[in-house]
C-alpha atoms as a PDB file:
ATOM      1  CA  UNK A   1      84.583 111.837 -48.296  1.00  0.00           C
ATOM      2  CA  UNK A   2      86.053 112.471 -44.862  1.00  0.00           C
ATOM      3  CA  UNK A   3      84.471 115.928 -44.829  1.00  0.00           C
ATOM      4  CA  UNK A   4      81.112 114.536 -45.961  1.00  0.00           C
ATOM      5  CA  UNK A   5      81.238 111.833 -43.291  1.00  0.00           C
ATOM      6  CA  UNK A   6      82.056 114.439 -40.638  1.00  0.00           C
ATOM      7  CA  UNK A   7      79.115 116.581 -41.753  1.00  0.00           C
ATOM      8  CA  UNK A   8      76.738 113.605 -41.629  1.00  0.00           C
ATOM      9  CA  UNK A   9      77.911 112.683 -38.124  1.00  0.00           C
ATOM     10  CA  UNK A  10      77.488 116.289 -36.958  1.00  0.00           C
ATOM     11  CA  UNK A  11      73.987 116.427 -38.461  1.00  0.00           C
ATOM     12  CA  UNK A  12      73.037 113.154 -36.738  1.00  0.00           C
ATOM     13  CA  UNK A  13      74.278 114.508 -33.427  1.00  0.00           C
ATOM     14  CA  UNK A  14      72.224 117.652 -33.850  1.00  0.00           C
ATOM     15  CA  UNK A  15      69.111 115.622 -34.561  1.00  0.00           C
ATOM     16  CA  UNK A  16      69.800 113.475 -31.508  1.00  0.00           C
ATOM     17  CA  UNK A  17      70.240 116.526 -29.258  1.00  0.00           C
ATOM     18  CA  UNK A  18      67.071 118.089 -30.646  1.00  0.00           C
ATOM     19  CA  UNK A  19      65.139 114.907 -29.906  1.00  0.00           C
ATOM     20  CA  UNK A  20      66.521 114.829 -26.382  1.00  0.00           C
ATOM     21  CA  UNK A  21      65.572 118.460 -25.931  1.00  0.00           C
ATOM     22  CA  UNK A  22      62.003 117.719 -26.987  1.00  0.00           C
ATOM     23  CA  UNK A  23      61.827 114.741 -24.629  1.00  0.00           C
ATOM     24  CA  UNK A  24      62.989 116.880 -21.718  1.00  0.00           C
ATOM     25  CA  UNK A  25      60.416 119.503 -22.562  1.00  0.00           C
ATOM     26  CA  UNK A  26      57.620 116.933 -22.568  1.00  0.00           C
ATOM     27  CA  UNK A  27      58.735 115.224 -19.367  1.00  0.00           C
ATOM     28  CA  UNK A  28      59.096 118.486 -17.462  1.00  0.00           C
ATOM     29  CA  UNK A  29      55.639 119.790 -18.401  1.00  0.00           C
ATOM     30  CA  UNK A  30      53.288 120.046 -15.382  1.00  0.00           C
ATOM     31  CA  UNK A  31      50.677 117.301 -14.963  1.00  0.00           C
ATOM     32  CA  UNK A  32      47.211 118.470 -15.904  1.00  0.00           C
ATOM     33  CA  UNK A  33      44.347 116.690 -14.186  1.00  0.00           C
ATOM     34  CA  UNK A  34      41.733 115.273 -16.491  1.00  0.00           C
ATOM     35  CA  UNK A  35      39.102 116.634 -14.092  1.00  0.00           C
ATOM     36  CA  UNK A  36      38.382 120.323 -14.428  1.00  0.00           C
ATOM     37  CA  UNK A  37      38.764 122.535 -11.345  1.00  0.00           C
ATOM     38  CA  UNK A  38      35.556 122.757  -9.330  1.00  0.00           C
ATOM     39  CA  UNK A  39      33.690 126.041  -9.725  1.00  0.00           C
ATOM     40  CA  UNK A  40      31.816 127.153  -6.570  1.00  0.00           C
ATOM     41  CA  UNK A  41      28.034 127.341  -6.848  1.00  0.00           C
ATOM     42  CA  UNK A  42      25.877 129.960  -5.143  1.00  0.00           C
ATOM     43  CA  UNK A  43      23.532 128.058  -2.861  1.00  0.00           C
ATOM     44  CA  UNK A  44      20.760 129.235  -0.524  1.00  0.00           C
ATOM     45  CA  UNK A  45      20.486 127.051   2.590  1.00  0.00           C
ATOM     46  CA  UNK A  46      17.820 127.291   5.288  1.00  0.00           C
ATOM     47  CA  UNK A  47      17.768 125.549   8.622  1.00  0.00           C
ATOM     48  CA  UNK A  48      15.701 125.685  11.780  1.00  0.00           C
ATOM     49  CA  UNK A  49      16.495 126.602  15.330  1.00  0.00           C
ATOM     50  CA  UNK A  50      16.849 123.662  17.693  1.00  0.00           C
ATOM     51  CA  UNK A  51      18.296 120.205  17.041  1.00  0.00           C
ATOM     52  CA  UNK A  52      17.958 120.126  13.245  1.00  0.00           C
ATOM     53  CA  UNK A  53      20.022 123.313  13.021  1.00  0.00           C
ATOM     54  CA  UNK A  54      22.925 122.290  15.242  1.00  0.00           C
ATOM     55  CA  UNK A  55      24.640 120.199  12.597  1.00  0.00           C
ATOM     56  CA  UNK A  56      24.701 123.208  10.257  1.00  0.00           C
ATOM     57  CA  UNK A  57      26.450 125.523  12.741  1.00  0.00           C
ATOM     58  CA  UNK A  58      30.063 124.694  11.803  1.00  0.00           C
ATOM     59  CA  UNK A  59      29.273 124.836   8.092  1.00  0.00           C
ATOM     60  CA  UNK A  60      27.735 128.271   8.621  1.00  0.00           C
ATOM     61  CA  UNK A  61      30.865 129.416  10.453  1.00  0.00           C
ATOM     62  CA  UNK A  62      33.140 127.991   7.746  1.00  0.00           C
ATOM     63  CA  UNK A  63      31.065 129.741   5.105  1.00  0.00           C
ATOM     64  CA  UNK A  64      31.437 133.057   6.905  1.00  0.00           C
ATOM     65  CA  UNK A  65      35.195 132.460   6.935  1.00  0.00           C
ATOM     66  CA  UNK A  66      35.168 131.696   3.165  1.00  0.00           C
ATOM     67  CA  UNK A  67      36.378 128.140   3.739  1.00  0.00           C
ATOM     68  CA  UNK A  68      33.634 126.234   1.900  1.00  0.00           C
ATOM     69  CA  UNK A  69      33.498 124.718  -1.578  1.00  0.00           C
ATOM     70  CA  UNK A  70      30.254 126.513  -2.447  1.00  0.00           C
ATOM     71  CA  UNK A  71      29.071 130.060  -1.813  1.00  0.00           C
ATOM     72  CA  UNK A  72      26.400 129.539   0.830  1.00  0.00           C
ATOM     73  CA  UNK A  73      23.776 132.022   1.959  1.00  0.00           C
ATOM     74  CA  UNK A  74      22.128 130.834   5.187  1.00  0.00           C
ATOM     75  CA  UNK A  75      18.672 131.544   6.575  1.00  0.00           C
ATOM     76  CA  UNK A  76      17.723 130.520  10.129  1.00  0.00           C
ATOM     77  CA  UNK A  77      14.015 129.986  10.791  1.00  0.00           C
ATOM     78  CA  UNK A  78      12.055 129.278  13.949  1.00  0.00           C
ATOM     79  CA  UNK A  79       9.418 127.159  12.164  1.00  0.00           C
ATOM     80  CA  UNK A  80       9.245 124.971   9.079  1.00  0.00           C
ATOM     81  CA  UNK A  81       6.438 127.133   7.701  1.00  0.00           C
ATOM     82  CA  UNK A  82       8.964 129.973   7.374  1.00  0.00           C
ATOM     83  CA  UNK A  83      10.910 127.814   4.913  1.00  0.00           C
ATOM     84  CA  UNK A  84       8.490 125.676   2.908  1.00  0.00           C
ATOM     85  CA  UNK A  85       6.968 128.312   0.618  1.00  0.00           C
ATOM     86  CA  UNK A  86      10.318 129.734  -0.480  1.00  0.00           C
ATOM     87  CA  UNK A  87      11.700 126.235  -0.885  1.00  0.00           C
ATOM     88  CA  UNK A  88       8.979 125.132  -3.285  1.00  0.00           C
ATOM     89  CA  UNK A  89       9.498 128.324  -5.293  1.00  0.00           C
ATOM     90  CA  UNK A  90      13.205 127.510  -5.621  1.00  0.00           C
ATOM     91  CA  UNK A  91      14.287 130.533  -3.579  1.00  0.00           C
ATOM     92  CA  UNK A  92      15.858 128.143  -1.058  1.00  0.00           C
ATOM     93  CA  UNK A  93      17.987 125.379  -2.573  1.00  0.00           C
ATOM     94  CA  UNK A  94      18.708 123.222   0.493  1.00  0.00           C
ATOM     95  CA  UNK A  95      16.497 123.080   3.597  1.00  0.00           C
ATOM     96  CA  UNK A  96      16.802 121.339   6.943  1.00  0.00           C
ATOM     97  CA  UNK A  97      13.306 120.367   8.084  1.00  0.00           C
ATOM     98  CA  UNK A  98      11.440 117.654  10.015  1.00  0.00           C
ATOM     99  CA  UNK A  99      11.191 114.448   8.006  1.00  0.00           C
ATOM    100  CA  UNK A 100       7.395 114.542   7.907  1.00  0.00           C
ATOM    101  CA  UNK A 101       7.603 118.029   6.381  1.00  0.00           C
ATOM    102  CA  UNK A 102       9.805 116.538   3.660  1.00  0.00           C
ATOM    103  CA  UNK A 103       7.057 113.996   2.923  1.00  0.00           C
ATOM    104  CA  UNK A 104       4.383 116.693   2.880  1.00  0.00           C
ATOM    105  CA  UNK A 105       6.410 118.821   0.454  1.00  0.00           C
ATOM    106  CA  UNK A 106       7.066 115.775  -1.714  1.00  0.00           C
ATOM    107  CA  UNK A 107       3.341 115.149  -2.027  1.00  0.00           C
ATOM    108  CA  UNK A 108       2.485 118.821  -2.457  1.00  0.00           C
ATOM    109  CA  UNK A 109       5.037 119.185  -5.267  1.00  0.00           C
ATOM    110  CA  UNK A 110       3.932 115.937  -6.932  1.00  0.00           C
ATOM    111  CA  UNK A 111       7.215 114.175  -6.299  1.00  0.00           C
ATOM    112  CA  UNK A 112       9.731 116.969  -6.954  1.00  0.00           C
ATOM    113  CA  UNK A 113      11.483 116.837  -3.551  1.00  0.00           C
ATOM    114  CA  UNK A 114      14.539 114.742  -2.658  1.00  0.00           C
ATOM    115  CA  UNK A 115      15.601 113.846   0.864  1.00  0.00           C
ATOM    116  CA  UNK A 116      19.394 114.093   0.773  1.00  0.00           C
ATOM    117  CA  UNK A 117      20.263 112.929   4.299  1.00  0.00           C
ATOM    118  CA  UNK A 118      18.853 112.476   7.777  1.00  0.00           C
ATOM    119  CA  UNK A 119      20.469 114.757  10.344  1.00  0.00           C
ATOM    120  CA  UNK A 120      18.593 114.082  13.586  1.00  0.00           C
ATOM    121  CA  UNK A 121      17.125 111.036  15.288  1.00  0.00           C
ATOM    122  CA  UNK A 122      14.530 111.298  18.074  1.00  0.00           C
ATOM    123  CA  UNK A 123      14.795 114.409  20.262  1.00  0.00           C
ATOM    124  CA  UNK A 124      11.986 113.781  22.777  1.00  0.00           C
ATOM    125  CA  UNK A 125      12.426 112.844  26.429  1.00  0.00           C
ATOM    126  CA  UNK A 126      10.197 112.013  29.368  1.00  0.00           C
ATOM    127  CA  UNK A 127      10.970 114.353  32.259  1.00  0.00           C
ATOM    128  CA  UNK A 128       9.866 113.766  35.832  1.00  0.00           C
ATOM    129  CA  UNK A 129       9.957 115.819  38.989  1.00  0.00           C
ATOM    130  CA  UNK A 130      11.568 113.007  40.941  1.00  0.00           C
ATOM    131  CA  UNK A 131      12.885 109.682  39.713  1.00  0.00           C
ATOM    132  CA  UNK A 132      10.194 107.015  39.931  1.00  0.00           C
ATOM    133  CA  UNK A 133       9.489 106.416  36.216  1.00  0.00           C
ATOM    134  CA  UNK A 134      11.765 103.583  35.108  1.00  0.00           C
ATOM    135  CA  UNK A 135       9.860 102.346  32.055  1.00  0.00           C
ATOM    136  CA  UNK A 136       6.941 103.245  29.797  1.00  0.00           C
ATOM    137  CA  UNK A 137       4.808 100.870  31.860  1.00  0.00           C
ATOM    138  CA  UNK A 138       5.256 103.202  34.844  1.00  0.00           C
ATOM    139  CA  UNK A 139       3.327 105.916  32.994  1.00  0.00           C
ATOM    140  CA  UNK A 140       0.079 103.980  33.281  1.00  0.00           C
ATOM    141  CA  UNK A 141      -2.422 105.871  35.416  1.00  0.00           C
ATOM    142  CA  UNK A 142      -0.301 109.025  35.404  1.00  0.00           C
ATOM    143  CA  UNK A 143      -0.864 112.513  34.009  1.00  0.00           C
ATOM    144  CA  UNK A 144       1.669 113.633  31.438  1.00  0.00           C
ATOM    145  CA  UNK A 145       2.062 117.021  29.776  1.00  0.00           C
ATOM    146  CA  UNK A 146       3.255 117.402  26.210  1.00  0.00           C
ATOM    147  CA  UNK A 147       3.337 119.682  23.212  1.00  0.00           C
ATOM    148  CA  UNK A 148       2.145 118.634  19.757  1.00  0.00           C
ATOM    149  CA  UNK A 149      -1.562 117.865  19.860  1.00  0.00           C
ATOM    150  CA  UNK A 150      -2.458 116.472  16.437  1.00  0.00           C
ATOM    151  CA  UNK A 151       1.200 116.520  15.483  1.00  0.00           C
ATOM    152  CA  UNK A 152       4.221 114.190  15.537  1.00  0.00           C
ATOM    153  CA  UNK A 153       4.777 114.167  19.318  1.00  0.00           C
ATOM    154  CA  UNK A 154       1.222 112.900  19.906  1.00  0.00           C
ATOM    155  CA  UNK A 155       1.511 110.196  17.238  1.00  0.00           C
ATOM    156  CA  UNK A 156       4.919 109.045  18.468  1.00  0.00           C
ATOM    157  CA  UNK A 157       3.809 108.909  22.094  1.00  0.00           C
ATOM    158  CA  UNK A 158       0.581 107.073  21.242  1.00  0.00           C
ATOM    159  CA  UNK A 159       2.474 104.525  19.148  1.00  0.00           C
ATOM    160  CA  UNK A 160       4.888 103.755  21.985  1.00  0.00           C
ATOM    161  CA  UNK A 161       2.099 103.613  24.577  1.00  0.00           C
ATOM    162  CA  UNK A 162       0.018 101.241  22.450  1.00  0.00           C
ATOM    163  CA  UNK A 163       3.034  99.001  21.843  1.00  0.00           C
ATOM    164  CA  UNK A 164       3.427  98.805  25.628  1.00  0.00           C
ATOM    165  CA  UNK A 165      -0.256  97.843  26.107  1.00  0.00           C
ATOM    166  CA  UNK A 166      -1.234 101.266  27.415  1.00  0.00           C
ATOM    167  CA  UNK A 167      -4.360 102.809  25.893  1.00  0.00           C
ATOM    168  CA  UNK A 168      -3.663 106.543  25.461  1.00  0.00           C
ATOM    169  CA  UNK A 169      -7.385 107.316  25.726  1.00  0.00           C
ATOM    170  CA  UNK A 170      -8.162 105.404  28.935  1.00  0.00           C
ATOM    171  CA  UNK A 171      -4.989 104.325  30.751  1.00  0.00           C
ATOM    172  CA  UNK A 172      -3.214 107.685  30.934  1.00  0.00           C
ATOM    173  CA  UNK A 173      -4.097 111.378  30.973  1.00  0.00           C
ATOM    174  CA  UNK A 174      -2.244 113.458  28.391  1.00  0.00           C
ATOM    175  CA  UNK A 175      -2.538 117.230  28.667  1.00  0.00           C
ATOM    176  CA  UNK A 176      -1.388 118.935  25.476  1.00  0.00           C
ATOM    177  CA  UNK A 177      -0.158 122.492  25.898  1.00  0.00           C
ATOM    178  CA  UNK A 178       1.929 125.006  23.971  1.00  0.00           C
ATOM    179  CA  UNK A 179       5.722 125.042  24.248  1.00  0.00           C
ATOM    180  CA  UNK A 180       5.628 128.171  26.407  1.00  0.00           C
ATOM    181  CA  UNK A 181       3.012 126.658  28.724  1.00  0.00           C
ATOM    182  CA  UNK A 182       4.946 123.409  28.999  1.00  0.00           C
ATOM    183  CA  UNK A 183       8.087 125.312  29.905  1.00  0.00           C
ATOM    184  CA  UNK A 184       6.271 127.360  32.551  1.00  0.00           C
ATOM    185  CA  UNK A 185       4.555 124.321  34.076  1.00  0.00           C
ATOM    186  CA  UNK A 186       7.789 122.345  34.281  1.00  0.00           C
ATOM    187  CA  UNK A 187       9.738 125.195  35.844  1.00  0.00           C
ATOM    188  CA  UNK A 188       6.997 125.897  38.396  1.00  0.00           C
ATOM    189  CA  UNK A 189       6.620 122.217  39.228  1.00  0.00           C
ATOM    190  CA  UNK A 190       2.957 122.092  38.194  1.00  0.00           C
ATOM    191  CA  UNK A 191       3.831 119.471  35.607  1.00  0.00           C
ATOM    192  CA  UNK A 192       5.226 116.454  37.447  1.00  0.00           C
ATOM    193  CA  UNK A 193       5.739 114.378  34.279  1.00  0.00           C
ATOM    194  CA  UNK A 194       6.134 115.647  30.737  1.00  0.00           C
ATOM    195  CA  UNK A 195       7.353 114.723  27.293  1.00  0.00           C
ATOM    196  CA  UNK A 196       9.553 117.541  26.020  1.00  0.00           C
ATOM    197  CA  UNK A 197      11.763 118.125  22.967  1.00  0.00           C
ATOM    198  CA  UNK A 198      15.287 119.474  22.888  1.00  0.00           C
ATOM    199  CA  UNK A 199      16.433 122.093  23.698  1.00  0.00           C
ATOM    200  CA  UNK A 200      13.352 122.849  25.821  1.00  0.00           C
ATOM    201  CA  UNK A 201      13.975 119.793  27.995  1.00  0.00           C
ATOM    202  CA  UNK A 202      17.515 120.857  28.820  1.00  0.00           C
ATOM    203  CA  UNK A 203      16.497 124.477  29.403  1.00  0.00           C
ATOM    204  CA  UNK A 204      13.834 123.621  31.978  1.00  0.00           C
ATOM    205  CA  UNK A 205      16.113 121.153  33.766  1.00  0.00           C
ATOM    206  CA  UNK A 206      18.613 123.966  34.244  1.00  0.00           C
ATOM    207  CA  UNK A 207      15.915 126.127  35.847  1.00  0.00           C
ATOM    208  CA  UNK A 208      14.272 123.384  37.903  1.00  0.00           C
ATOM    209  CA  UNK A 209      16.894 120.990  39.201  1.00  0.00           C
ATOM    210  CA  UNK A 210      14.246 118.676  40.656  1.00  0.00           C
ATOM    211  CA  UNK A 211      13.502 117.566  37.116  1.00  0.00           C
ATOM    212  CA  UNK A 212      15.175 114.440  35.745  1.00  0.00           C
ATOM    213  CA  UNK A 213      15.365 112.976  32.276  1.00  0.00           C
ATOM    214  CA  UNK A 214      13.973 109.502  32.996  1.00  0.00           C
ATOM    215  CA  UNK A 215      13.235 108.072  29.525  1.00  0.00           C
ATOM    216  CA  UNK A 216      14.487 108.666  25.997  1.00  0.00           C
ATOM    217  CA  UNK A 217      11.691 108.428  23.452  1.00  0.00           C
ATOM    218  CA  UNK A 218      14.302 107.545  20.860  1.00  0.00           C
ATOM    219  CA  UNK A 219      15.307 104.498  22.918  1.00  0.00           C
ATOM    220  CA  UNK A 220      11.690 103.561  23.620  1.00  0.00           C
ATOM    221  CA  UNK A 221      10.887 103.695  19.902  1.00  0.00           C
ATOM    222  CA  UNK A 222      13.739 101.309  19.148  1.00  0.00           C
ATOM    223  CA  UNK A 223      12.410  98.846  21.726  1.00  0.00           C
ATOM    224  CA  UNK A 224       9.063  98.500  19.954  1.00  0.00           C
ATOM    225  CA  UNK A 225      10.111  99.053  16.326  1.00  0.00           C
ATOM    226  CA  UNK A 226      12.706  97.525  14.043  1.00  0.00           C
ATOM    227  CA  UNK A 227      13.606 101.015  12.810  1.00  0.00           C
ATOM    228  CA  UNK A 228      15.323 104.074  14.261  1.00  0.00           C
ATOM    229  CA  UNK A 229      13.203 107.150  14.910  1.00  0.00           C
ATOM    230  CA  UNK A 230      14.447 109.770  12.421  1.00  0.00           C
ATOM    231  CA  UNK A 231      12.947 113.220  12.860  1.00  0.00           C
ATOM    232  CA  UNK A 232      15.127 115.679  10.905  1.00  0.00           C
ATOM    233  CA  UNK A 233      16.597 115.815   7.394  1.00  0.00           C
ATOM    234  CA  UNK A 234      17.925 117.995   4.587  1.00  0.00           C
ATOM    235  CA  UNK A 235      16.037 118.278   1.307  1.00  0.00           C
ATOM    236  CA  UNK A 236      16.408 119.785  -2.158  1.00  0.00           C
ATOM    237  CA  UNK A 237      14.253 120.053  -5.250  1.00  0.00           C
ATOM    238  CA  UNK A 238      15.011 117.387  -7.834  1.00  0.00           C
ATOM    239  CA  UNK A 239      15.573 120.083 -10.453  1.00  0.00           C
ATOM    240  CA  UNK A 240      18.320 121.678  -8.349  1.00  0.00           C
ATOM    241  CA  UNK A 241      20.004 118.329  -7.714  1.00  0.00           C
ATOM    242  CA  UNK A 242      20.026 117.459 -11.419  1.00  0.00           C
ATOM    243  CA  UNK A 243      21.312 120.904 -12.412  1.00  0.00           C
ATOM    244  CA  UNK A 244      24.052 120.935  -9.759  1.00  0.00           C
ATOM    245  CA  UNK A 245      25.094 117.336  -8.993  1.00  0.00           C
ATOM    246  CA  UNK A 246      28.687 118.168  -8.016  1.00  0.00           C
ATOM    247  CA  UNK A 247      27.607 121.121  -5.884  1.00  0.00           C
ATOM    248  CA  UNK A 248      25.126 118.941  -3.992  1.00  0.00           C
ATOM    249  CA  UNK A 249      27.796 116.319  -3.361  1.00  0.00           C
ATOM    250  CA  UNK A 250      30.205 119.021  -2.149  1.00  0.00           C
ATOM    251  CA  UNK A 251      27.510 120.314   0.186  1.00  0.00           C
ATOM    252  CA  UNK A 252      26.850 116.840   1.579  1.00  0.00           C
ATOM    253  CA  UNK A 253      30.566 116.255   2.175  1.00  0.00           C
ATOM    254  CA  UNK A 254      30.871 119.522   4.083  1.00  0.00           C
ATOM    255  CA  UNK A 255      27.592 118.980   5.921  1.00  0.00           C
ATOM    256  CA  UNK A 256      28.603 115.515   7.093  1.00  0.00           C
ATOM    257  CA  UNK A 257      31.875 116.972   8.382  1.00  0.00           C
ATOM    258  CA  UNK A 258      29.947 119.764  10.118  1.00  0.00           C
ATOM    259  CA  UNK A 259      27.697 117.274  11.935  1.00  0.00           C
ATOM    260  CA  UNK A 260      30.692 115.189  12.977  1.00  0.00           C
ATOM    261  CA  UNK A 261      32.436 118.319  14.232  1.00  0.00           C
ATOM    262  CA  UNK A 262      29.368 119.195  16.334  1.00  0.00           C
ATOM    263  CA  UNK A 263      29.470 115.870  18.153  1.00  0.00           C
ATOM    264  CA  UNK A 264      33.206 116.124  18.862  1.00  0.00           C
ATOM    265  CA  UNK A 265      33.677 119.844  19.579  1.00  0.00           C
ATOM    266  CA  UNK A 266      30.704 120.698  21.740  1.00  0.00           C
ATOM    267  CA  UNK A 267      32.025 123.894  23.325  1.00  0.00           C
ATOM    268  CA  UNK A 268      32.888 125.497  19.992  1.00  0.00           C
ATOM    269  CA  UNK A 269      29.646 124.487  18.317  1.00  0.00           C
ATOM    270  CA  UNK A 270      27.613 125.606  21.347  1.00  0.00           C
ATOM    271  CA  UNK A 271      29.085 129.074  20.862  1.00  0.00           C
ATOM    272  CA  UNK A 272      28.131 128.976  17.169  1.00  0.00           C
ATOM    273  CA  UNK A 273      24.586 127.951  18.166  1.00  0.00           C
ATOM    274  CA  UNK A 274      24.216 131.129  20.206  1.00  0.00           C
ATOM    275  CA  UNK A 275      25.841 133.248  17.480  1.00  0.00           C
ATOM    276  CA  UNK A 276      23.459 132.018  14.784  1.00  0.00           C
ATOM    277  CA  UNK A 277      20.348 131.869  16.979  1.00  0.00           C
ATOM    278  CA  UNK A 278      20.071 128.079  16.902  1.00  0.00           C
ATOM    279  CA  UNK A 279      19.878 128.020  20.703  1.00  0.00           C
ATOM    280  CA  UNK A 280      19.175 130.905  23.099  1.00  0.00           C
ATOM    281  CA  UNK A 281      22.415 130.472  25.019  1.00  0.00           C
ATOM    282  CA  UNK A 282      25.663 128.594  24.463  1.00  0.00           C
ATOM    283  CA  UNK A 283      25.344 127.055  27.923  1.00  0.00           C
ATOM    284  CA  UNK A 284      21.996 125.508  26.991  1.00  0.00           C
ATOM    285  CA  UNK A 285      23.347 124.283  23.662  1.00  0.00           C
ATOM    286  CA  UNK A 286      26.367 122.721  25.399  1.00  0.00           C
ATOM    287  CA  UNK A 287      24.116 120.621  27.636  1.00  0.00           C
ATOM    288  CA  UNK A 288      21.661 119.860  24.841  1.00  0.00           C
ATOM    289  CA  UNK A 289      23.948 118.784  21.989  1.00  0.00           C
ATOM    290  CA  UNK A 290      24.814 115.336  23.443  1.00  0.00           C
ATOM    291  CA  UNK A 291      21.077 114.631  23.831  1.00  0.00           C
ATOM    292  CA  UNK A 292      20.046 115.780  20.352  1.00  0.00           C
ATOM    293  CA  UNK A 293      20.999 112.520  18.617  1.00  0.00           C
ATOM    294  CA  UNK A 294      22.715 114.204  15.707  1.00  0.00           C
ATOM    295  CA  UNK A 295      23.451 111.841  12.841  1.00  0.00           C
ATOM    296  CA  UNK A 296      24.252 111.674   9.150  1.00  0.00           C
ATOM    297  CA  UNK A 297      22.365 108.889   7.390  1.00  0.00           C
ATOM    298  CA  UNK A 298      21.902 108.506   3.644  1.00  0.00           C
ATOM    299  CA  UNK A 299      20.817 106.043   0.984  1.00  0.00           C
ATOM    300  CA  UNK A 300      19.081 102.783   1.820  1.00  0.00           C
ATOM    301  CA  UNK A 301      19.542 103.175   5.592  1.00  0.00           C
ATOM    302  CA  UNK A 302      17.765 106.512   5.410  1.00  0.00           C
ATOM    303  CA  UNK A 303      14.935 105.053   3.361  1.00  0.00           C
ATOM    304  CA  UNK A 304      14.387 101.994   5.567  1.00  0.00           C
ATOM    305  CA  UNK A 305      14.174 103.932   8.813  1.00  0.00           C
ATOM    306  CA  UNK A 306      12.241 106.953   7.575  1.00  0.00           C
ATOM    307  CA  UNK A 307       9.749 104.679   5.826  1.00  0.00           C
ATOM    308  CA  UNK A 308       9.095 103.006   9.168  1.00  0.00           C
ATOM    309  CA  UNK A 309       8.402 106.369  10.779  1.00  0.00           C
ATOM    310  CA  UNK A 310       6.152 107.471   7.916  1.00  0.00           C
ATOM    311  CA  UNK A 311       4.070 104.323   8.213  1.00  0.00           C
ATOM    312  CA  UNK A 312       3.376 105.111  11.884  1.00  0.00           C
ATOM    313  CA  UNK A 313       2.431 108.696  11.040  1.00  0.00           C
ATOM    314  CA  UNK A 314       0.244 107.603   8.124  1.00  0.00           C
ATOM    315  CA  UNK A 315      -1.636 105.122  10.304  1.00  0.00           C
ATOM    316  CA  UNK A 316      -2.225 107.846  12.907  1.00  0.00           C
ATOM    317  CA  UNK A 317      -3.108 110.656  10.500  1.00  0.00           C
ATOM    318  CA  UNK A 318      -2.366 110.580   6.747  1.00  0.00           C
ATOM    319  CA  UNK A 319      -2.359 114.371   6.584  1.00  0.00           C
ATOM    320  CA  UNK A 320       0.741 114.424   8.829  1.00  0.00           C
ATOM    321  CA  UNK A 321       2.809 113.373   5.790  1.00  0.00           C
ATOM    322  CA  UNK A 322       0.777 115.036   3.087  1.00  0.00           C
ATOM    323  CA  UNK A 323      -1.967 112.473   2.569  1.00  0.00           C
ATOM    324  CA  UNK A 324      -0.052 109.475   1.241  1.00  0.00           C
ATOM    325  CA  UNK A 325       3.195 107.594   1.656  1.00  0.00           C
ATOM    326  CA  UNK A 326       5.963 109.003  -0.562  1.00  0.00           C
ATOM    327  CA  UNK A 327       7.369 106.913  -3.401  1.00  0.00           C
ATOM    328  CA  UNK A 328      10.927 105.606  -3.312  1.00  0.00           C
ATOM    329  CA  UNK A 329      12.275 108.473  -5.392  1.00  0.00           C
ATOM    330  CA  UNK A 330      11.946 110.779  -2.381  1.00  0.00           C
ATOM    331  CA  UNK A 331      15.187 109.256  -1.097  1.00  0.00           C
ATOM    332  CA  UNK A 332      18.350 110.510  -2.789  1.00  0.00           C
ATOM    333  CA  UNK A 333      20.635 107.650  -3.860  1.00  0.00           C
ATOM    334  CA  UNK A 334      18.639 105.011  -1.984  1.00  0.00           C
ATOM    335  CA  UNK A 335      18.997 102.344  -4.696  1.00  0.00           C
END
């Protein structure tokens, strides 16, 4: 009996030790996240030279250094028309374009485009050789040069003039010229007053130091409208967003950080702007970046403000946004 009791006790101890061993094995096993590791997605991204491209500069640099969540291939274009065809074909997955181009593509594709985020507010300024223009009212009776006949700059300027009780057809002379002509006339001094976009405005002020930036069109818009003037955005096809929801969110996270970096690290981003052809020289980009009104706006705020802009453009010329106002589904996550 004593031997049997001893054997039973020994067996019980062995079972106890085995159980303890199993518990230790379980407790020491590494934690496994319930979320699978993110797999990078190959993504073609296009952006334009000038203000709408500046926010992409750091992301481009990070991509070159293999520091991004996705595998980005970047294309830099000098005009939206260099992007739109490839975008609609799906050859470009994400594109940075003027907001009215987003509306036009939405209508052309029968609602297949999504505006992911706004990246740029107003980028137009009134320049003067001198410093006598203190308000929009001071433009009455003057001659002003501008680019953009039959395009956004004309519609924006006319809207602001009308809201300030200035008739663009009778109370002011507006001479529309090409960008190259505007630059030449401002540098030579032939144009005493002009409305110019960035980075052209900064570039001519460097070459003609008699020129002053006297009014911000972005500020003037806000004075006469309950919305913010939003002129640049990033877009994607709805099919790409639905097929790659995590990749799009990863892109937006990195893009937001890139825009924020541009506003806080101007010297470094100015150098990237020259490297990637976003601006002709880093020195010009350095002076221009603080004036470019870079931003990152999404959801309902994006929808409210861009809708306000589209209504102005539609009233001026429906074809400027593709013939009709876009439906709410243009705006990504605007519910």
